[in-house]
Amino acid sequence: MTPRVDVVVLTMNDRPEEETFAQKTLQAQIGVEVRVCVVGNGCTPQVVPPGAITVALPENVGIPGGRNAGVDALREAGDPAEYVFFLDNDACLPRPDVLVRLVASAEEHPDAAYVQPRLTGPDDTTTPRRWVPRLRTGDPERPGIITSMTEGVVLIRRHVFDEAGGWEGGFFLYHEGLDLAYRFWSAGYTGWYAASIRMHHPLTAPIRHPLFHRLSARNRIWVAYRNFPTPLIPLYLGTWTVITLARALRMGGLRETLSGLREGWATRHEQVHRPMDWSTVRRLTAAGRPPII
């Protein structure tokens, strides 16, 4: 049977040329049946492929909330696909077999809740360290089990996504993929980095967004309080805070980072605390990412 994939694309109608090209590469996929939902985050989508479902949200609810709205719309349309693929509207699929290869990789690794391709710049070679979904980032061509996630180009098993409750909309932006990955691991699954499958994305830096430093700091605290056993929370946040403040002093954004730390600390108990069990901690450690880093 031809595999089926539902695809969610977010837009704010701010990059029509990139969106048009991204959707063109999506429509060119072979060996897989694709259904697309374009979600306008605070707008009505202007670039829409033929036959796509559209959602026009009255306000910008953030990236995770917008993605959830797309998944909901695809489910309400009936006969949901086994896999959901989340695609940034400025990312593109450089070959027509990207999706079918991602599905094949998922079938080869049934314990993986999600499969991550290797993300590169348009040159098909450059992969910034932040795009390698593991701690050891020196060789982006090495596949393997992963514990984090690059949210904008990821294939997820729908039933696992639904069981986990989807993206946490309150994050608005940044680290919602790490939060979801931890919930997948808590449910007994893993993630898989299919490094031989490449996708392209502009070589932009997250600091281009004014909210980056504040929301990144706030959401990292929320990730810890949502997912970790209580004894690990201060160890994780202590390590992360030292590293983050050192980066902010060197690269800028110190004031916003401190603001995010204060906000995250003040609102930490508003997060639902579902700590992973110690067997999950052991599995994460064995996979190379003990949850204190």
Protein backbone atom coordinates (compact mmCIF):
# COMPACT_ATOMS: atom_id res chain seq x y z
CA MET A 1 0.00 0.00 0.00
CA THR A 2 1.14 3.54 -0.73
CA PRO A 3 2.06 5.21 2.57
CA ARG A 4 0.03 8.26 3.54
CA VAL A 5 1.37 11.37 5.21
CA ASP A 6 -0.54 14.39 6.48
CA VAL A 7 1.54 17.58 6.29
CA VAL A 8 1.09 20.71 8.40
CA VAL A 9 2.55 24.00 7.16
CA LEU A 10 2.30 27.26 9.12
CA THR A 11 2.25 30.67 7.51
CA MET A 12 1.99 34.34 8.36
CA ASN A 13 2.07 35.29 4.66
CA ASP A 14 5.48 36.82 5.23
CA ARG A 15 7.60 34.83 2.76
CA PRO A 16 5.49 34.01 -0.34
CA GLU A 17 8.41 33.05 -2.59
CA GLU A 18 9.87 30.59 -0.09
CA GLU A 19 6.42 29.13 0.63
CA THR A 20 5.66 28.67 -3.04
CA PHE A 21 8.92 26.80 -3.58
CA ALA A 22 8.50 24.70 -0.41
CA GLN A 23 5.02 23.63 -1.48
CA LYS A 24 6.25 22.87 -5.00
CA THR A 25 8.81 20.43 -3.61
CA LEU A 26 6.11 18.96 -1.39
CA GLN A 27 3.80 18.35 -4.34
CA ALA A 28 6.67 16.70 -6.22
CA GLN A 29 6.99 13.86 -3.69
CA ILE A 30 6.58 10.39 -5.16
CA GLY A 31 5.75 7.01 -3.65
CA VAL A 32 3.60 8.56 -0.93
CA GLU A 33 0.10 10.00 -0.71
CA VAL A 34 0.28 13.53 0.70
CA ARG A 35 -2.50 15.61 2.21
CA VAL A 36 -1.63 19.18 3.19
CA CYS A 37 -3.06 21.60 5.74
CA VAL A 38 -1.88 25.21 5.60
CA VAL A 39 -2.51 27.11 8.82
CA GLY A 40 -2.61 30.89 8.81
CA ASN A 41 -1.34 32.03 12.21
CA GLY A 42 -3.35 35.21 12.63
CA CYS A 43 -4.12 35.44 8.90
CA THR A 44 -5.81 33.77 5.96
CA PRO A 45 -3.25 31.69 4.01
CA GLN A 46 -2.41 33.19 0.63
CA VAL A 47 -0.11 30.47 -0.74
CA VAL A 48 -2.06 27.23 -0.81
CA PRO A 49 -1.43 24.13 -2.97
CA PRO A 50 -4.36 22.63 -4.88
CA GLY A 51 -6.65 20.52 -2.71
CA ALA A 52 -5.11 21.60 0.57
CA ILE A 53 -7.07 22.16 3.75
CA THR A 54 -6.76 25.68 5.13
CA VAL A 55 -7.14 27.07 8.63
CA ALA A 56 -7.30 30.81 9.32
CA LEU A 57 -6.63 31.48 12.99
CA PRO A 58 -7.92 34.90 14.13
CA GLU A 59 -4.71 35.58 16.06
CA ASN A 60 -1.14 34.33 16.22
CA VAL A 61 -1.27 31.51 18.77
CA GLY A 62 2.40 30.61 18.37
CA ILE A 63 4.08 27.84 16.46
CA PRO A 64 3.06 24.83 18.60
CA GLY A 65 -0.53 26.07 18.88
CA GLY A 66 -0.71 26.62 15.13
CA ARG A 67 0.64 23.16 14.42
CA ASN A 68 -1.93 21.63 16.76
CA ALA A 69 -4.66 23.47 14.86
CA GLY A 70 -3.43 21.91 11.63
CA VAL A 71 -3.42 18.41 13.10
CA ASP A 72 -6.94 18.97 14.44
CA ALA A 73 -8.18 20.11 11.03
CA LEU A 74 -6.69 17.08 9.30
CA ARG A 75 -8.30 14.79 11.87
CA GLU A 76 -11.68 16.48 11.45
CA ALA A 77 -11.40 16.04 7.68
CA GLY A 78 -11.53 12.29 8.29
CA ASP A 79 -9.35 9.29 7.57
CA PRO A 80 -6.15 10.68 9.15
CA ALA A 81 -2.85 9.35 7.87
CA GLU A 82 -0.55 7.21 9.97
CA TYR A 83 2.15 9.88 9.91
CA VAL A 84 2.17 13.65 10.36
CA PHE A 85 4.97 15.71 8.86
CA PHE A 86 5.61 19.21 10.16
CA LEU A 87 7.22 21.51 7.60
CA ASP A 88 8.56 25.01 8.08
CA ASN A 89 7.29 27.21 5.27
CA ASP A 90 10.84 28.19 4.27
CA ALA A 91 12.19 24.63 4.25
CA CYS A 92 12.17 22.49 1.12
CA LEU A 93 12.52 18.87 0.10
CA PRO A 94 15.46 18.69 -2.35
CA ARG A 95 14.54 15.26 -3.73
CA PRO A 96 11.17 13.76 -4.67
CA ASP A 97 11.71 10.74 -2.41
CA VAL A 98 12.28 12.52 0.91
CA LEU A 99 8.94 11.66 2.48
CA VAL A 100 8.84 8.05 1.32
CA ARG A 101 12.37 7.53 2.67
CA LEU A 102 11.40 9.08 6.01
CA VAL A 103 8.43 6.69 6.22
CA ALA A 104 10.71 3.76 5.35
CA SER A 105 13.10 4.84 8.09
CA ALA A 106 10.21 4.96 10.56
CA GLU A 107 9.19 1.45 9.58
CA GLU A 108 12.77 0.26 10.04
CA HIS A 109 12.79 1.73 13.57
CA PRO A 110 9.39 0.89 15.09
CA ASP A 111 10.46 2.13 18.54
CA ALA A 112 10.97 5.64 17.17
CA ALA A 113 8.04 8.00 17.71
CA TYR A 114 9.60 10.47 15.29
CA VAL A 115 12.15 10.54 12.49
CA GLN A 116 14.35 13.53 11.87
CA PRO A 117 16.10 14.20 8.53
CA ARG A 118 19.43 16.00 8.32
CA LEU A 119 18.78 19.70 7.83
CA THR A 120 21.28 21.61 5.71
CA GLY A 121 21.55 24.99 4.09
CA PRO A 122 20.64 25.40 0.41
CA ASP A 123 24.16 24.19 -0.45
CA ASP A 124 23.14 20.66 0.65
CA THR A 125 26.24 20.51 2.87
CA THR A 126 26.30 23.06 5.69
CA THR A 127 24.63 21.87 8.90
CA PRO A 128 24.94 24.25 11.87
CA ARG A 129 25.54 22.55 15.21
CA ARG A 130 22.12 23.65 16.47
CA TRP A 131 20.49 21.57 13.71
CA VAL A 132 22.10 18.31 14.81
CA PRO A 133 19.59 16.78 17.25
CA ARG A 134 22.05 15.34 19.76
CA LEU A 135 24.80 16.51 22.11
CA ARG A 136 27.66 15.19 19.99
CA THR A 137 27.28 17.45 16.98
CA GLY A 138 30.68 17.02 15.32
CA ASP A 139 29.50 14.66 12.57
CA PRO A 140 26.06 15.61 11.21
CA GLU A 141 26.18 12.64 8.83
CA ARG A 142 26.07 10.05 11.62
CA PRO A 143 22.57 8.55 12.11
CA GLY A 144 21.29 7.18 15.37
CA ILE A 145 18.89 7.41 18.29
CA ILE A 146 18.15 10.98 19.38
CA THR A 147 16.46 12.58 22.38
CA SER A 148 15.75 16.09 21.08
CA MET A 149 13.96 17.38 18.01
CA THR A 150 14.20 19.97 15.23
CA GLU A 151 10.52 20.85 15.17
CA GLY A 152 10.13 22.33 11.69
CA VAL A 153 11.12 19.23 9.68
CA VAL A 154 10.01 16.11 11.51
CA LEU A 155 7.88 13.04 10.76
CA ILE A 156 5.83 11.80 13.74
CA ARG A 157 3.61 8.76 14.19
CA ARG A 158 0.14 10.18 14.57
CA HIS A 159 -1.11 7.81 17.26
CA VAL A 160 1.93 8.57 19.44
CA PHE A 161 1.48 12.30 18.85
CA ASP A 162 -2.16 12.06 19.90
CA GLU A 163 -1.38 9.95 22.95
CA ALA A 164 1.22 12.50 24.07
CA GLY A 165 -1.29 15.35 23.76
CA GLY A 166 0.44 17.11 20.88
CA TRP A 167 2.59 20.21 21.12
CA GLU A 168 2.41 22.31 24.28
CA GLY A 169 0.78 25.47 22.96
CA GLY A 170 1.79 27.61 25.93
CA PHE A 171 5.42 27.57 24.81
CA PHE A 172 4.50 29.81 21.85
CA LEU A 173 8.00 29.48 20.37
CA TYR A 174 11.21 27.54 21.17
CA HIS A 175 11.87 24.21 22.92
CA GLU A 176 8.41 22.77 22.26
CA GLY A 177 10.18 20.00 20.34
CA LEU A 178 12.39 19.11 23.29
CA ASP A 179 9.32 18.97 25.53
CA LEU A 180 7.48 16.69 23.09
CA ALA A 181 10.53 14.45 22.64
CA TYR A 182 10.78 13.94 26.40
CA ARG A 183 7.10 12.98 26.53
CA PHE A 184 7.65 10.46 23.74
CA TRP A 185 10.56 8.97 25.66
CA SER A 186 8.45 8.85 28.82
CA ALA A 187 5.89 6.82 26.86
CA GLY A 188 8.56 4.26 25.99
CA TYR A 189 9.53 5.47 22.53
CA THR A 190 12.73 6.94 21.07
CA GLY A 191 13.60 9.28 18.20
CA TRP A 192 15.67 8.49 15.11
CA TYR A 193 18.02 10.76 13.18
CA ALA A 194 18.00 9.68 9.53
CA ALA A 195 21.15 11.58 8.58
CA SER A 196 21.25 10.30 4.98
CA ILE A 197 17.91 12.01 4.21
CA ARG A 198 18.48 15.71 3.66
CA MET A 199 16.26 18.76 3.67
CA HIS A 200 17.17 22.38 3.00
CA HIS A 201 16.57 25.48 5.08
CA PRO A 202 17.94 29.04 4.91
CA LEU A 203 20.98 29.46 7.14
CA THR A 204 19.31 31.86 9.56
CA ALA A 205 20.07 32.20 13.26
CA PRO A 206 17.37 32.02 15.96
CA ILE A 207 18.62 35.27 17.50
CA ARG A 208 17.06 37.09 14.53
CA HIS A 209 13.79 36.83 16.47
CA PRO A 210 13.52 39.48 19.22
CA LEU A 211 11.78 37.00 21.54
CA PHE A 212 14.46 34.34 21.25
CA HIS A 213 16.45 35.02 24.42
CA ARG A 214 13.45 35.54 26.71
CA LEU A 215 11.27 32.67 25.51
CA SER A 216 14.18 30.28 25.21
CA ALA A 217 15.11 30.91 28.85
CA ARG A 218 11.52 30.73 30.08
CA ASN A 219 10.64 27.60 28.15
CA ARG A 220 13.76 25.74 29.24
CA ILE A 221 12.60 26.11 32.85
CA TRP A 222 9.15 24.92 31.85
CA VAL A 223 10.62 21.86 30.10
CA ALA A 224 12.38 20.88 33.32
CA TYR A 225 9.35 21.34 35.55
CA ARG A 226 7.07 19.52 33.15
CA ASN A 227 9.22 16.46 32.53
CA PHE A 228 11.92 15.75 35.11
CA PRO A 229 11.88 14.02 38.47
CA THR A 230 12.13 16.66 41.19
CA PRO A 231 15.73 15.84 42.26
CA LEU A 232 17.00 16.41 38.70
CA ILE A 233 15.38 19.80 38.15
CA PRO A 234 17.98 21.93 40.00
CA LEU A 235 20.84 19.96 38.43
CA TYR A 236 19.49 20.44 34.93
CA LEU A 237 18.60 24.11 35.39
CA GLY A 238 21.86 24.87 37.18
CA THR A 239 23.93 23.46 34.32
CA TRP A 240 21.82 25.10 31.67
CA THR A 241 21.71 28.52 33.40
CA VAL A 242 25.48 28.73 33.68
CA ILE A 243 25.95 27.85 30.00
CA THR A 244 23.18 30.20 28.85
CA LEU A 245 24.40 33.20 30.84
CA ALA A 246 27.92 32.66 29.53
CA ARG A 247 26.57 32.64 25.97
CA ALA A 248 24.48 35.75 26.61
CA LEU A 249 27.49 37.63 27.94
CA ARG A 250 29.47 36.67 24.85
CA MET A 251 26.79 36.95 22.16
CA GLY A 252 24.28 39.42 23.57
CA GLY A 253 20.74 39.14 24.92
CA LEU A 254 21.66 39.11 28.61
CA ARG A 255 18.81 41.38 29.68
CA GLU A 256 16.21 39.35 27.78
CA THR A 257 17.67 36.08 29.09
CA LEU A 258 17.42 37.28 32.68
CA SER A 259 13.83 38.39 32.02
CA GLY A 260 13.00 34.93 30.69
CA LEU A 261 14.62 33.25 33.68
CA ARG A 262 12.54 35.35 36.04
CA GLU A 263 9.36 34.64 34.10
CA GLY A 264 10.03 30.93 33.91
CA TRP A 265 10.83 30.67 37.59
CA ALA A 266 7.74 32.68 38.58
CA THR A 267 5.41 30.55 36.45
CA ARG A 268 7.03 27.13 36.82
CA HIS A 269 4.31 25.72 39.06
CA GLU A 270 1.67 26.57 36.45
CA GLN A 271 3.09 23.74 34.34
CA VAL A 272 1.63 20.26 34.66
CA HIS A 273 4.30 18.14 36.32
CA ARG A 274 4.35 14.66 34.80
CA PRO A 275 7.86 13.51 35.70
CA MET A 276 9.46 10.76 33.68
CA ASP A 277 10.25 7.66 35.69
CA TRP A 278 13.79 6.65 36.55
CA SER A 279 13.86 3.97 33.89
CA THR A 280 13.37 6.74 31.30
CA VAL A 281 16.22 8.66 32.91
CA ARG A 282 18.41 5.59 32.48
CA ARG A 283 17.35 5.18 28.85
CA LEU A 284 18.12 8.83 28.09
CA THR A 285 21.51 8.49 29.75
CA ALA A 286 22.27 5.36 27.75
CA ALA A 287 21.28 7.26 24.59
CA GLY A 288 23.92 9.89 25.39
CA ARG A 289 21.82 12.65 26.92
CA PRO A 290 21.43 12.36 30.70
CA PRO A 291 18.69 14.78 31.75
CA ILE A 292 21.02 17.08 33.63
CA ILE A 293 22.50 18.55 30.42
